[in-house]
Amino acid sequence: MNLNFYKKYIFIFFLSLICIIFYIYYSFIYIKVCVCTIGKEENKYAREFVEHYKKYGIDKIFIYDNNDINGENFYGILDDYIKKGFVEIINVRGKLKMQYPSHNHCYEKNKDFFDWFIFYDMDEFIHLNNFTNIKDYLRNKSFGKCNVIYLNQVVRTDNDQIYYYNKSLFERFPISTLNYDKGIGISKIILRGHLSKIKITNPHILVNEYQCNSIGKLNNKLKPDDFFNNNFYYDHFLYKSSEEYLNKLLKGDAIFGKKKGFSLRWIIFYFSVNKKTKEKLDFFQNKTGIDLSFYIKSLNK
């Protein structure tokens, strides 16, 4: 046999070996992760949201633009990320009750292209201690049988700020309420791709026989203590400043399709976590027209 015969088979052997290595890598090691979110009047925060998840190694972010027809636009502030294909904008402008339909549309359209889906709002930022890349976290063997991973929230307080100013959320609101609420309903899901017959009716809870907590413990019956971990959670900038909180009450809810509006109920909700001060109470009273004199007087007691 001549040398060319051996070269041919050596070439075929190494080519086959390379193909096997690539198959193993892309089937068992390489994973793709995306974020699906919906945004309305989020221009002040959208870029920080995108950059946060880019630093965590996310492959793509799908933003469902739910602004009013003549409202804000994500084009302009995210053009560079859109041109690179890292961000894709889906137009659901002016439509009501779009949060869950957007989540389901995102999953059904892309479930065969991504291994994990993160369904977080634009005021929710994932936090993984000791991991700078979410793929390293998700490659953990403990997640091998998991279809749904729950991370609990840590609420960031208003840091006694009344007005918005142009700095990052993490700079403006460094104080959190760690261990504030261990309730399961406060958690949010990371969902495995490639699943069939999945319908997202609530991104906080998606009951599945292969659901697990943030360290990969399978648990068919959700228990609060199993679903809170100081190392793996998401920061929720739920309130921001007093001014931003009131603006949020007026912008409309993506789930129920209506504005919360000003009411004593939502002011009580705000101060259930944030400290009462005369300055803040005066601000709320002046802006909403709701009589808060009882609470203002109580500060002097």
Protein backbone atom coordinates (compact mmCIF):
# COMPACT_ATOMS: atom_id res chain seq x y z
CA MET A 1 0.00 0.00 0.00
CA ASN A 2 1.29 3.43 -0.85
CA LEU A 3 1.63 6.34 1.54
CA ASN A 4 -1.35 8.21 0.08
CA PHE A 5 -3.65 5.36 1.17
CA TYR A 6 -2.57 5.77 4.81
CA LYS A 7 -2.80 9.56 4.58
CA LYS A 8 -6.39 9.24 3.38
CA TYR A 9 -7.47 7.13 6.33
CA ILE A 10 -5.48 9.17 8.84
CA PHE A 11 -7.24 12.26 7.51
CA ILE A 12 -10.67 10.57 7.80
CA PHE A 13 -9.83 9.42 11.36
CA PHE A 14 -8.85 12.88 12.56
CA LEU A 15 -11.80 14.50 10.78
CA SER A 16 -14.14 12.04 12.51
CA LEU A 17 -12.46 12.73 15.84
CA ILE A 18 -12.92 16.48 15.40
CA CYS A 19 -16.59 15.96 14.53
CA ILE A 20 -17.09 13.84 17.66
CA ILE A 21 -15.40 16.48 19.83
CA PHE A 22 -17.60 19.22 18.36
CA TYR A 23 -20.70 17.06 18.86
CA ILE A 24 -19.85 16.45 22.52
CA TYR A 25 -19.02 20.11 23.06
CA TYR A 26 -22.20 21.47 21.52
CA SER A 27 -24.43 18.73 22.94
CA PHE A 28 -23.14 18.51 26.49
CA ILE A 29 -20.83 21.46 27.26
CA TYR A 30 -21.78 24.46 25.12
CA ILE A 31 -25.03 26.08 26.15
CA LYS A 32 -26.93 29.12 24.92
CA VAL A 33 -28.85 31.38 27.30
CA CYS A 34 -31.25 34.21 26.53
CA VAL A 35 -33.29 36.78 28.42
CA CYS A 36 -36.93 37.53 27.57
CA THR A 37 -38.26 40.78 29.00
CA ILE A 38 -41.01 43.31 28.40
CA GLY A 39 -40.49 47.04 28.80
CA LYS A 40 -42.55 50.19 29.05
CA GLU A 41 -41.06 53.60 29.91
CA GLU A 42 -37.77 51.92 30.79
CA ASN A 43 -35.37 54.05 28.72
CA LYS A 44 -33.61 55.29 31.85
CA TYR A 45 -32.75 51.73 32.87
CA ALA A 46 -32.65 49.66 29.67
CA ARG A 47 -28.97 50.09 28.89
CA GLU A 48 -27.87 49.13 32.41
CA PHE A 49 -30.13 46.06 32.19
CA VAL A 50 -28.63 44.99 28.85
CA GLU A 51 -25.04 45.58 29.96
CA HIS A 52 -25.57 43.68 33.21
CA TYR A 53 -26.72 40.54 31.41
CA LYS A 54 -24.07 40.89 28.70
CA LYS A 55 -21.41 40.80 31.42
CA TYR A 56 -22.97 37.57 32.70
CA GLY A 57 -22.42 35.90 29.32
CA ILE A 58 -25.99 35.98 28.02
CA ASP A 59 -26.17 35.23 24.28
CA LYS A 60 -29.21 37.33 23.40
CA ILE A 61 -31.86 39.57 24.92
CA PHE A 62 -35.38 39.73 23.51
CA ILE A 63 -37.12 42.96 24.50
CA TYR A 64 -40.86 43.19 23.92
CA ASP A 65 -41.51 46.89 23.42
CA ASN A 66 -44.82 47.58 25.20
CA ASN A 67 -44.57 51.37 25.15
CA ASP A 68 -47.52 53.48 24.09
CA ILE A 69 -47.79 54.00 20.32
CA ASN A 70 -46.32 57.50 20.60
CA GLY A 71 -44.26 56.77 23.73
CA GLU A 72 -40.60 56.02 24.35
CA ASN A 73 -38.59 53.93 21.94
CA PHE A 74 -35.73 51.52 22.63
CA TYR A 75 -34.18 52.37 19.27
CA GLY A 76 -31.65 55.11 19.77
CA ILE A 77 -30.53 54.10 23.24
CA LEU A 78 -29.78 50.47 22.29
CA ASP A 79 -28.86 50.85 18.61
CA ASP A 80 -25.34 49.46 19.00
CA TYR A 81 -26.58 46.27 20.67
CA ILE A 82 -29.43 45.91 18.18
CA LYS A 83 -27.06 46.23 15.19
CA LYS A 84 -24.80 43.54 16.64
CA GLY A 85 -27.77 41.20 17.08
CA PHE A 86 -27.35 40.98 20.83
CA VAL A 87 -30.70 42.72 21.41
CA GLU A 88 -33.84 42.04 19.39
CA ILE A 89 -36.85 44.32 19.74
CA ILE A 90 -40.32 42.82 19.27
CA ASN A 91 -43.10 45.35 18.71
CA VAL A 92 -46.10 44.99 21.05
CA ARG A 93 -46.57 48.74 21.42
CA GLY A 94 -49.93 49.97 22.63
CA LYS A 95 -51.18 46.47 23.46
CA LEU A 96 -52.59 45.50 26.86
CA LYS A 97 -51.95 42.48 29.12
CA MET A 98 -48.85 41.49 27.15
CA GLN A 99 -46.45 40.16 29.78
CA TYR A 100 -47.42 36.48 29.76
CA PRO A 101 -48.22 36.36 26.01
CA SER A 102 -44.77 37.87 25.37
CA HIS A 103 -43.07 35.26 27.54
CA ASN A 104 -44.87 32.43 25.77
CA HIS A 105 -44.19 33.87 22.32
CA CYS A 106 -40.50 34.24 23.15
CA TYR A 107 -40.26 30.65 24.40
CA GLU A 108 -42.22 29.00 21.59
CA LYS A 109 -40.34 30.86 18.87
CA ASN A 110 -36.86 30.30 20.32
CA LYS A 111 -37.01 27.16 22.49
CA ASP A 112 -35.06 25.08 19.94
CA PHE A 113 -32.22 27.61 19.77
CA PHE A 114 -31.53 28.27 23.46
CA ASP A 115 -30.89 25.92 26.35
CA TRP A 116 -32.09 28.26 29.11
CA PHE A 117 -34.53 31.18 29.24
CA ILE A 118 -34.52 33.94 31.88
CA PHE A 119 -37.85 35.74 32.27
CA TYR A 120 -36.94 38.83 34.28
CA ASP A 121 -38.32 42.37 34.17
CA MET A 122 -36.11 45.37 33.41
CA ASP A 123 -35.81 46.21 37.11
CA GLU A 124 -34.56 42.70 37.98
CA PHE A 125 -30.85 41.85 37.87
CA ILE A 126 -29.52 38.36 38.42
CA HIS A 127 -26.90 37.90 41.17
CA LEU A 128 -24.64 34.84 41.27
CA ASN A 129 -21.89 34.92 43.89
CA ASN A 130 -18.56 33.46 42.67
CA PHE A 131 -19.78 33.27 39.06
CA THR A 132 -19.01 35.91 36.45
CA ASN A 133 -20.64 33.87 33.69
CA ILE A 134 -24.11 32.38 34.04
CA LYS A 135 -23.15 29.45 31.83
CA ASP A 136 -20.62 28.27 34.40
CA TYR A 137 -23.43 28.35 36.95
CA LEU A 138 -25.89 26.48 34.73
CA ARG A 139 -23.33 23.80 33.79
CA ASN A 140 -23.47 22.56 37.38
CA LYS A 141 -24.22 18.82 37.35
CA SER A 142 -26.85 19.42 40.03
CA PHE A 143 -29.05 21.03 37.36
CA GLY A 144 -28.86 17.97 35.11
CA LYS A 145 -32.44 16.89 35.81
CA CYS A 146 -33.88 20.37 36.33
CA ASN A 147 -36.30 21.96 33.90
CA VAL A 148 -37.11 24.93 36.14
CA ILE A 149 -34.67 26.76 38.44
CA TYR A 150 -36.04 29.18 41.03
CA LEU A 151 -34.11 32.22 42.23
CA ASN A 152 -35.59 34.31 45.02
CA GLN A 153 -35.58 38.10 45.07
CA VAL A 154 -33.75 40.61 47.17
CA VAL A 155 -35.52 43.97 47.20
CA ARG A 156 -33.45 47.13 46.95
CA THR A 157 -34.73 49.96 49.14
CA ASP A 158 -35.23 53.59 48.08
CA ASN A 159 -32.05 54.60 49.93
CA ASP A 160 -34.05 57.62 51.19
CA GLN A 161 -34.07 59.16 47.72
CA ILE A 162 -37.02 61.26 46.67
CA TYR A 163 -35.97 62.27 43.14
CA TYR A 164 -34.40 60.52 40.16
CA TYR A 165 -30.85 61.39 39.18
CA ASN A 166 -28.75 60.01 36.37
CA LYS A 167 -26.58 57.27 37.83
CA SER A 168 -26.77 53.49 37.72
CA LEU A 169 -29.35 51.69 39.86
CA PHE A 170 -26.64 49.87 41.81
CA GLU A 171 -24.91 53.16 42.61
CA ARG A 172 -28.13 54.88 43.64
CA PHE A 173 -29.62 52.06 45.70
CA PRO A 174 -26.85 50.10 47.45
CA ILE A 175 -29.03 49.01 50.39
CA SER A 176 -30.95 45.76 50.06
CA THR A 177 -33.43 43.90 52.22
CA LEU A 178 -31.54 40.59 52.17
CA ASN A 179 -33.73 37.87 53.68
CA TYR A 180 -36.66 40.27 53.49
CA ASP A 181 -39.10 37.73 52.11
CA LYS A 182 -38.56 33.99 51.77
CA GLY A 183 -41.93 33.43 50.13
CA ILE A 184 -41.93 31.18 47.08
CA GLY A 185 -44.17 33.57 45.18
CA ILE A 186 -41.38 36.14 45.25
CA SER A 187 -39.06 33.85 43.27
CA LYS A 188 -38.67 33.85 39.49
CA ILE A 189 -37.83 31.09 37.07
CA ILE A 190 -35.02 30.15 34.75
CA LEU A 191 -36.58 27.72 32.26
CA ARG A 192 -34.86 25.02 30.23
CA GLY A 193 -35.30 25.22 26.47
CA HIS A 194 -36.39 22.43 24.10
CA LEU A 195 -39.43 21.55 26.24
CA SER A 196 -42.82 20.82 24.71
CA LYS A 197 -46.27 21.70 26.01
CA ILE A 198 -45.02 24.50 28.27
CA LYS A 199 -47.27 27.46 28.96
CA ILE A 200 -46.07 30.29 31.18
CA THR A 201 -48.98 31.66 33.15
CA ASN A 202 -46.80 33.08 35.92
CA PRO A 203 -43.01 33.67 35.74
CA HIS A 204 -42.86 33.40 39.53
CA ILE A 205 -44.12 29.83 39.70
CA LEU A 206 -44.12 27.20 36.96
CA VAL A 207 -44.96 23.90 38.61
CA ASN A 208 -43.00 21.10 37.01
CA GLU A 209 -41.99 17.66 38.22
CA TYR A 210 -38.38 18.64 37.56
CA GLN A 211 -38.30 21.95 39.42
CA CYS A 212 -35.41 22.78 41.68
CA ASN A 213 -33.99 25.50 43.87
CA SER A 214 -30.92 27.63 43.16
CA ILE A 215 -28.44 24.87 44.02
CA GLY A 216 -30.18 22.14 42.03
CA LYS A 217 -32.21 20.43 44.73
CA LEU A 218 -35.25 18.81 43.13
CA ASN A 219 -38.41 19.52 45.07
CA ASN A 220 -41.91 18.61 43.95
CA LYS A 221 -43.45 20.40 46.92
CA LEU A 222 -42.15 23.94 47.14
CA LYS A 223 -41.00 24.97 50.60
CA PRO A 224 -39.87 28.55 51.32
CA ASP A 225 -36.70 27.56 53.14
CA ASP A 226 -35.51 25.56 50.13
CA PHE A 227 -35.93 28.45 47.75
CA PHE A 228 -33.87 31.16 49.36
CA ASN A 229 -30.11 31.38 49.04
CA ASN A 230 -27.86 34.33 49.89
CA ASN A 231 -25.49 33.40 47.06
CA PHE A 232 -27.94 33.06 44.19
CA TYR A 233 -30.82 35.48 43.78
CA TYR A 234 -31.94 38.49 41.77
CA ASP A 235 -31.84 42.13 42.83
CA HIS A 236 -35.24 43.74 42.40
CA PHE A 237 -35.27 47.54 42.14
CA LEU A 238 -38.96 47.52 42.92
CA TYR A 239 -39.33 51.05 44.32
CA LYS A 240 -36.39 53.19 43.25
CA SER A 241 -36.93 56.80 44.39
CA SER A 242 -40.26 58.20 45.62
CA GLU A 243 -40.65 60.08 42.34
CA GLU A 244 -39.99 56.99 40.22
CA TYR A 245 -42.34 54.89 42.30
CA LEU A 246 -45.23 57.28 41.68
CA ASN A 247 -44.43 57.34 37.96
CA LYS A 248 -44.54 53.54 37.98
CA LEU A 249 -48.04 53.59 39.46
CA LEU A 250 -49.22 55.69 36.52
CA LYS A 251 -47.58 53.88 33.60
CA GLY A 252 -49.86 50.85 33.41
CA ASP A 253 -49.40 47.21 34.34
CA ALA A 254 -48.22 44.75 31.65
CA ILE A 255 -50.04 41.87 33.37
CA PHE A 256 -53.49 43.30 34.09
CA GLY A 257 -53.51 46.07 31.51
CA LYS A 258 -54.42 48.93 33.81
CA LYS A 259 -52.73 51.60 35.91
CA LYS A 260 -52.42 51.02 39.63
CA GLY A 261 -53.06 54.71 40.26
CA PHE A 262 -52.59 56.69 43.45
CA SER A 263 -54.16 55.17 46.56
CA LEU A 264 -53.34 54.79 50.23
CA ARG A 265 -52.87 51.07 49.62
CA TRP A 266 -49.86 51.62 47.35
CA ILE A 267 -48.33 54.20 49.68
CA ILE A 268 -48.59 51.73 52.58
CA PHE A 269 -46.97 49.12 50.33
CA TYR A 270 -44.07 51.49 49.65
CA PHE A 271 -43.46 52.18 53.34
CA SER A 272 -43.76 48.51 54.28
CA VAL A 273 -40.12 48.29 53.21
CA ASN A 274 -38.82 51.85 52.96
CA LYS A 275 -38.26 54.12 55.94
CA LYS A 276 -40.82 56.86 56.65
CA THR A 277 -39.43 60.40 56.69
CA LYS A 278 -41.28 63.70 56.80
CA GLU A 279 -39.74 64.72 53.48
CA LYS A 280 -41.02 61.58 51.74
CA LEU A 281 -44.45 61.73 53.32
CA ASP A 282 -44.80 65.40 52.34
CA PHE A 283 -43.76 64.51 48.80
CA PHE A 284 -46.35 61.70 48.53
CA GLN A 285 -49.07 63.89 50.03
CA ASN A 286 -48.37 66.81 47.69
CA LYS A 287 -48.13 64.66 44.56
CA THR A 288 -51.07 62.33 45.20
CA GLY A 289 -53.45 64.57 47.17
CA ILE A 290 -53.88 61.78 49.72
CA ASP A 291 -54.04 62.96 53.34
CA LEU A 292 -51.02 61.53 55.15
CA SER A 293 -51.13 63.89 58.14
CA PHE A 294 -51.68 60.96 60.52
CA TYR A 295 -48.40 59.35 59.41
CA ILE A 296 -46.55 62.69 59.44
CA LYS A 297 -47.69 63.37 63.03
CA SER A 298 -46.74 59.84 64.08
CA LEU A 299 -43.08 60.56 63.25
CA ASN A 300 -42.90 62.97 66.20
CA LYS A 301 -44.15 60.43 68.71
